[in-house]
Amino acid sequence: MNYKGKAQLSYIIIAPAELEAEGDRFFKHQAEWVEKTHHRAGDKALLQYTVSKSIDGTGNIIYVLTEVYETVGTIAHSQNMPVRLWRRNGL
């Protein structure tokens, strides 16, 4: 798919090998949450959400998270979503 003109975020997270299981759990839950909460059509659509994992030469775990959105404005909406949900639920 061509994402020219869309908004993309990429994060690189490097973790020590002993935190690999925790990182895997985090990204599994994150993907489930994203699936339940993010728009899939329209101006606020999340077009792509991927997490890849590899190991560097020293044994560290490298996670690369990529999100592609329909518009730049959706990035702020998405990044503020956890805060709004926490407040709504009294957390």
C-alpha atoms as a PDB file:
ATOM      1  CA  MET A   1       0.000   0.000   0.000  1.00  0.00           C
ATOM      2  CA  ASN A   2       1.196   3.507  -0.766  1.00  0.00           C
ATOM      3  CA  TYR A   3       1.290   5.754   2.311  1.00  0.00           C
ATOM      4  CA  LYS A   4       2.544   8.868   0.516  1.00  0.00           C
ATOM      5  CA  GLY A   5       1.023  11.927   2.170  1.00  0.00           C
ATOM      6  CA  LYS A   6       0.053  10.018   5.314  1.00  0.00           C
ATOM      7  CA  ALA A   7       1.437  10.553   8.816  1.00  0.00           C
ATOM      8  CA  GLN A   8       3.895   7.994  10.153  1.00  0.00           C
ATOM      9  CA  LEU A   9       5.468   7.452  13.561  1.00  0.00           C
ATOM     10  CA  SER A  10       8.299   5.058  14.223  1.00  0.00           C
ATOM     11  CA  TYR A  11       9.749   4.200  17.602  1.00  0.00           C
ATOM     12  CA  ILE A  12      12.844   2.145  18.332  1.00  0.00           C
ATOM     13  CA  ILE A  13      12.953   0.587  21.782  1.00  0.00           C
ATOM     14  CA  ILE A  14      16.109  -1.210  22.908  1.00  0.00           C
ATOM     15  CA  ALA A  15      15.803  -3.492  25.919  1.00  0.00           C
ATOM     16  CA  PRO A  16      18.181  -5.830  27.693  1.00  0.00           C
ATOM     17  CA  ALA A  17      17.594  -9.500  26.957  1.00  0.00           C
ATOM     18  CA  GLU A  18      16.242 -10.152  30.458  1.00  0.00           C
ATOM     19  CA  LEU A  19      13.283  -7.852  29.697  1.00  0.00           C
ATOM     20  CA  GLU A  20      12.319  -9.604  26.455  1.00  0.00           C
ATOM     21  CA  ALA A  21       9.308 -11.447  27.933  1.00  0.00           C
ATOM     22  CA  GLU A  22       8.031  -8.215  29.501  1.00  0.00           C
ATOM     23  CA  GLY A  23       8.465  -6.371  26.197  1.00  0.00           C
ATOM     24  CA  ASP A  24       6.643  -9.122  24.320  1.00  0.00           C
ATOM     25  CA  ARG A  25       3.734  -8.948  26.802  1.00  0.00           C
ATOM     26  CA  PHE A  26       3.608  -5.157  26.574  1.00  0.00           C
ATOM     27  CA  PHE A  27       3.434  -5.107  22.779  1.00  0.00           C
ATOM     28  CA  LYS A  28       0.876  -7.935  22.724  1.00  0.00           C
ATOM     29  CA  HIS A  29      -1.425  -5.970  25.042  1.00  0.00           C
ATOM     30  CA  GLN A  30      -0.714  -2.740  23.171  1.00  0.00           C
ATOM     31  CA  ALA A  31      -1.762  -4.341  19.870  1.00  0.00           C
ATOM     32  CA  GLU A  32      -4.979  -5.643  21.450  1.00  0.00           C
ATOM     33  CA  TRP A  33      -5.740  -2.191  22.872  1.00  0.00           C
ATOM     34  CA  VAL A  34      -5.024  -0.493  19.532  1.00  0.00           C
ATOM     35  CA  GLU A  35      -7.346  -2.940  17.762  1.00  0.00           C
ATOM     36  CA  LYS A  36     -10.182  -2.089  20.165  1.00  0.00           C
ATOM     37  CA  THR A  37      -9.734   1.674  20.366  1.00  0.00           C
ATOM     38  CA  HIS A  38      -8.402   3.094  17.100  1.00  0.00           C
ATOM     39  CA  HIS A  39     -10.437   4.140  14.071  1.00  0.00           C
ATOM     40  CA  ARG A  40      -9.932   2.076  10.920  1.00  0.00           C
ATOM     41  CA  ALA A  41     -11.643   4.415   8.451  1.00  0.00           C
ATOM     42  CA  GLY A  42     -12.047   8.147   7.925  1.00  0.00           C
ATOM     43  CA  ASP A  43      -9.828  11.073   8.910  1.00  0.00           C
ATOM     44  CA  LYS A  44      -8.757   9.430  12.197  1.00  0.00           C
ATOM     45  CA  ALA A  45      -7.890   6.066  10.664  1.00  0.00           C
ATOM     46  CA  LEU A  46      -4.928   4.030  11.779  1.00  0.00           C
ATOM     47  CA  LEU A  47      -3.776   2.511   8.497  1.00  0.00           C
ATOM     48  CA  GLN A  48      -0.919   0.377   9.779  1.00  0.00           C
ATOM     49  CA  TYR A  49       0.348  -0.786  13.159  1.00  0.00           C
ATOM     50  CA  THR A  50       3.354  -3.092  13.226  1.00  0.00           C
ATOM     51  CA  VAL A  51       5.918  -4.193  15.773  1.00  0.00           C
ATOM     52  CA  SER A  52       9.049  -5.993  14.680  1.00  0.00           C
ATOM     53  CA  LYS A  53      11.659  -7.522  16.951  1.00  0.00           C
ATOM     54  CA  SER A  54      15.311  -8.389  16.467  1.00  0.00           C
ATOM     55  CA  ILE A  55      18.490  -8.852  18.469  1.00  0.00           C
ATOM     56  CA  ASP A  56      21.542  -6.631  18.185  1.00  0.00           C
ATOM     57  CA  GLY A  57      25.161  -7.788  18.333  1.00  0.00           C
ATOM     58  CA  THR A  58      25.296  -7.462  22.128  1.00  0.00           C
ATOM     59  CA  GLY A  59      22.143  -9.482  22.831  1.00  0.00           C
ATOM     60  CA  ASN A  60      19.809  -6.542  23.387  1.00  0.00           C
ATOM     61  CA  ILE A  61      16.277  -6.842  22.065  1.00  0.00           C
ATOM     62  CA  ILE A  62      15.254  -4.219  19.526  1.00  0.00           C
ATOM     63  CA  TYR A  63      11.566  -3.469  19.030  1.00  0.00           C
ATOM     64  CA  VAL A  64      10.529  -1.227  16.149  1.00  0.00           C
ATOM     65  CA  LEU A  65       6.977   0.120  16.380  1.00  0.00           C
ATOM     66  CA  THR A  66       5.499   1.741  13.268  1.00  0.00           C
ATOM     67  CA  GLU A  67       2.132   3.476  13.068  1.00  0.00           C
ATOM     68  CA  VAL A  68       0.707   5.058   9.917  1.00  0.00           C
ATOM     69  CA  TYR A  69      -2.294   7.385  10.197  1.00  0.00           C
ATOM     70  CA  GLU A  70      -4.570   8.988   7.643  1.00  0.00           C
ATOM     71  CA  THR A  71      -3.773  12.519   8.863  1.00  0.00           C
ATOM     72  CA  VAL A  72      -1.176  14.273  11.014  1.00  0.00           C
ATOM     73  CA  GLY A  73      -3.925  15.445  13.379  1.00  0.00           C
ATOM     74  CA  THR A  74      -4.668  11.862  14.265  1.00  0.00           C
ATOM     75  CA  ILE A  75      -1.244  11.471  15.857  1.00  0.00           C
ATOM     76  CA  ALA A  76      -2.076  13.913  18.659  1.00  0.00           C
ATOM     77  CA  HIS A  77      -5.499  12.291  19.050  1.00  0.00           C
ATOM     78  CA  SER A  78      -3.906   8.857  19.345  1.00  0.00           C
ATOM     79  CA  GLN A  79      -1.162   9.942  21.739  1.00  0.00           C
ATOM     80  CA  ASN A  80      -3.679  11.609  24.066  1.00  0.00           C
ATOM     81  CA  MET A  81      -6.110   8.687  23.976  1.00  0.00           C
ATOM     82  CA  PRO A  82      -4.617   6.788  26.967  1.00  0.00           C
ATOM     83  CA  VAL A  83      -4.850   9.912  29.140  1.00  0.00           C
ATOM     84  CA  ARG A  84      -8.504  10.467  28.180  1.00  0.00           C
ATOM     85  CA  LEU A  85      -9.351   6.818  28.877  1.00  0.00           C
ATOM     86  CA  TRP A  86      -7.574   6.852  32.247  1.00  0.00           C
ATOM     87  CA  ARG A  87      -9.439  10.019  33.292  1.00  0.00           C
ATOM     88  CA  ARG A  88     -12.767   8.603  32.106  1.00  0.00           C
ATOM     89  CA  ASN A  89     -12.159   5.512  34.229  1.00  0.00           C
ATOM     90  CA  GLY A  90     -11.025   7.486  37.271  1.00  0.00           C
ATOM     91  CA  LEU A  91      -7.392   6.441  37.099  1.00  0.00           C
END
